[in-house]
Amino acid sequence: MQDADLAALRTVADYQFGAGASAALFPEDADFRIQRSSTGRPQQVARGDGERLVSVGLDGRLTLGTAGGQRLADGLDYPSARVVVGDDSEPFVRDGKNVFAKFVQDVDADVRAGDEVAIVHEDGHLLAVGRAELDAQAMRDFDTGMAVMVRDGVEAE
């Protein structure tokens, strides 16, 4: 990956997910693969083994893959960039079903509707990644409604 691309992606990661996200998603010592559009714009960034970390939207924002969600969950302080659910939701979220507000146990206070988030179990392991449909306060306050639209679930080990 070109240094200019990596620098731009790191800047976006820190802006979008908070300070330290760039180091979590794109560590200095890691190997990355980049897929480009026909115009040369970065479209997807994958780990060296090919597993997708993020996609880069036309607006420049990053969309998480499960590998990227895992890196954020591992690299950022709790509860940054996360929505936390319990045992009741785990099998459904892993299967790609959406997270509903009544099952949210904790959430990063900075989450806004439209933000990319990692959905984690209360014990810390990654269940899925997706897009917040509500802001953090609404997730805490509401007893109904979709909190996170899940994009990709993580299979149980």
Protein backbone atom coordinates (compact mmCIF):
# COMPACT_ATOMS: atom_id res chain seq x y z
CA MET A 1 0.00 0.00 0.00
CA GLN A 2 1.29 3.44 -0.82
CA ASP A 3 2.32 5.60 2.12
CA ALA A 4 -0.03 8.43 1.08
CA ASP A 5 -3.00 6.05 0.99
CA LEU A 6 -2.12 4.63 4.38
CA ALA A 7 -1.69 8.08 5.91
CA ALA A 8 -5.08 9.19 4.56
CA LEU A 9 -6.80 6.02 5.80
CA ARG A 10 -5.25 6.46 9.26
CA THR A 11 -6.49 10.05 9.42
CA VAL A 12 -10.02 8.98 8.50
CA ALA A 13 -9.93 6.11 11.04
CA ASP A 14 -8.94 8.43 13.90
CA TYR A 15 -11.58 10.96 12.89
CA GLN A 16 -14.35 8.41 12.41
CA PHE A 17 -13.69 6.05 15.35
CA GLY A 18 -11.65 8.20 17.75
CA ALA A 19 -8.02 8.63 18.72
CA GLY A 20 -6.07 5.40 18.52
CA ALA A 21 -8.29 3.79 15.88
CA SER A 22 -5.66 4.20 13.18
CA ALA A 23 -3.10 2.26 15.21
CA ALA A 24 -5.69 -0.45 15.94
CA LEU A 25 -6.87 -0.84 12.34
CA PHE A 26 -3.62 -0.18 10.50
CA PRO A 27 -0.66 -1.02 12.77
CA GLU A 28 2.80 -0.06 11.58
CA ASP A 29 4.10 -3.64 11.46
CA ALA A 30 1.12 -5.18 9.61
CA ASP A 31 0.81 -6.21 5.98
CA PHE A 32 -2.15 -4.82 3.99
CA ARG A 33 -3.71 -5.44 0.61
CA ILE A 34 -5.64 -2.71 -1.12
CA GLN A 35 -8.24 -3.13 -3.83
CA ARG A 36 -8.74 -0.09 -6.03
CA SER A 37 -11.53 1.14 -8.25
CA SER A 38 -10.96 1.67 -11.96
CA THR A 39 -10.06 5.29 -11.12
CA GLY A 40 -7.39 4.23 -8.63
CA ARG A 41 -9.36 5.17 -5.52
CA PRO A 42 -8.96 2.72 -2.60
CA GLN A 43 -12.12 0.59 -2.26
CA GLN A 44 -11.20 -2.11 0.22
CA VAL A 45 -8.35 -2.75 2.60
CA ALA A 46 -7.62 -6.30 3.71
CA ARG A 47 -5.15 -7.97 6.02
CA GLY A 48 -2.23 -9.74 4.41
CA ASP A 49 -4.23 -12.99 4.48
CA GLY A 50 -7.03 -11.33 2.46
CA GLU A 51 -9.64 -10.87 5.21
CA ARG A 52 -11.38 -7.50 4.78
CA LEU A 53 -10.64 -4.84 7.39
CA VAL A 54 -12.59 -1.94 5.88
CA SER A 55 -14.25 -0.73 2.73
CA VAL A 56 -13.84 2.89 1.70
CA GLY A 57 -17.09 4.56 0.64
CA LEU A 58 -17.43 7.19 -2.05
CA ASP A 59 -17.78 9.73 0.77
CA GLY A 60 -14.42 8.60 2.21
CA ARG A 61 -15.90 6.99 5.32
CA LEU A 62 -14.81 3.53 6.38
CA THR A 63 -17.19 0.58 6.59
CA LEU A 64 -16.01 -2.15 8.94
CA GLY A 65 -15.42 -5.77 8.07
CA THR A 66 -15.36 -8.30 10.91
CA ALA A 67 -11.53 -8.27 10.96
CA GLY A 68 -11.62 -4.48 11.31
CA GLY A 69 -14.26 -4.69 14.05
CA GLN A 70 -12.06 -7.15 15.94
CA ARG A 71 -9.06 -4.85 15.65
CA LEU A 72 -11.09 -1.91 16.98
CA ALA A 73 -12.51 -3.96 19.86
CA ASP A 74 -9.00 -5.17 20.76
CA GLY A 75 -7.23 -1.84 20.26
CA LEU A 76 -9.58 0.78 21.72
CA ASP A 77 -10.52 1.29 25.35
CA TYR A 78 -13.93 -0.03 26.39
CA PRO A 79 -16.58 0.99 25.22
CA SER A 80 -15.17 3.02 22.30
CA ALA A 81 -16.80 2.28 18.92
CA ARG A 82 -18.88 -0.52 20.47
CA VAL A 83 -22.42 -1.57 21.23
CA VAL A 84 -22.60 -4.21 23.97
CA VAL A 85 -25.27 -6.91 24.14
CA GLY A 86 -25.81 -9.95 26.37
CA ASP A 87 -26.58 -13.65 26.06
CA ASP A 88 -30.15 -13.07 24.84
CA SER A 89 -28.93 -11.43 21.63
CA GLU A 90 -25.72 -13.32 20.96
CA PRO A 91 -26.96 -16.14 18.67
CA PHE A 92 -29.13 -13.77 16.64
CA VAL A 93 -26.46 -11.11 16.19
CA ARG A 94 -23.87 -13.73 15.19
CA ASP A 95 -26.38 -14.90 12.57
CA GLY A 96 -26.56 -11.38 11.10
CA LYS A 97 -29.82 -10.30 12.75
CA ASN A 98 -30.14 -6.66 13.80
CA VAL A 99 -29.65 -5.39 17.36
CA PHE A 100 -32.72 -3.90 19.01
CA ALA A 101 -32.54 -1.12 21.59
CA LYS A 102 -34.03 -3.15 24.45
CA PHE A 103 -31.08 -5.57 24.27
CA VAL A 104 -28.32 -2.92 24.35
CA GLN A 105 -26.48 -3.17 27.66
CA ASP A 106 -23.85 -0.51 27.02
CA VAL A 107 -22.75 1.75 24.19
CA ASP A 108 -20.01 4.27 23.47
CA ALA A 109 -21.50 7.65 24.47
CA ASP A 110 -20.17 9.21 21.24
CA VAL A 111 -22.08 6.88 18.88
CA ARG A 112 -24.38 8.75 16.49
CA ALA A 113 -26.93 7.37 14.07
CA GLY A 114 -25.05 6.31 10.94
CA ASP A 115 -21.79 5.47 12.72
CA GLU A 116 -20.00 2.18 12.12
CA VAL A 117 -19.77 0.08 15.29
CA ALA A 118 -18.51 -3.25 16.55
CA ILE A 119 -21.16 -5.27 18.37
CA VAL A 120 -19.60 -7.15 21.26
CA HIS A 121 -20.85 -9.54 23.93
CA GLU A 122 -20.76 -8.35 27.52
CA ASP A 123 -17.67 -10.55 28.06
CA GLY A 124 -15.87 -8.65 25.28
CA HIS A 125 -15.80 -10.97 22.27
CA LEU A 126 -16.86 -9.66 18.88
CA LEU A 127 -20.27 -10.77 17.59
CA ALA A 128 -20.75 -8.58 14.51
CA VAL A 129 -20.21 -5.22 12.83
CA GLY A 130 -22.83 -2.83 11.57
CA ARG A 131 -24.28 0.68 11.33
CA ALA A 132 -25.92 2.43 14.27
CA GLU A 133 -29.51 3.41 13.52
CA LEU A 134 -29.91 5.34 16.79
CA ASP A 135 -27.57 7.56 18.77
CA ALA A 136 -26.12 6.31 22.07
CA GLN A 137 -28.66 8.08 24.29
CA ALA A 138 -31.60 6.73 22.30
CA MET A 139 -30.16 3.20 22.49
CA ARG A 140 -30.09 3.54 26.27
CA ASP A 141 -33.53 5.13 26.58
CA PHE A 142 -35.67 3.24 24.06
CA ASP A 143 -37.34 -0.09 24.73
CA THR A 144 -38.27 -0.62 21.09
CA GLY A 145 -36.69 -0.02 17.72
CA MET A 146 -33.61 -1.11 15.83
CA ALA A 147 -30.39 0.11 17.40
CA VAL A 148 -27.85 -1.36 14.96
CA MET A 149 -28.29 -2.73 11.46
CA VAL A 150 -25.92 -5.69 11.40
CA ARG A 151 -23.84 -6.15 8.25
CA ASP A 152 -21.67 -9.15 9.09
CA GLY A 153 -21.87 -11.59 11.99
CA VAL A 154 -18.98 -13.58 13.42
CA GLU A 155 -19.44 -17.35 13.58
CA ALA A 156 -19.15 -18.97 17.00
CA GLU A 157 -15.83 -20.69 17.62
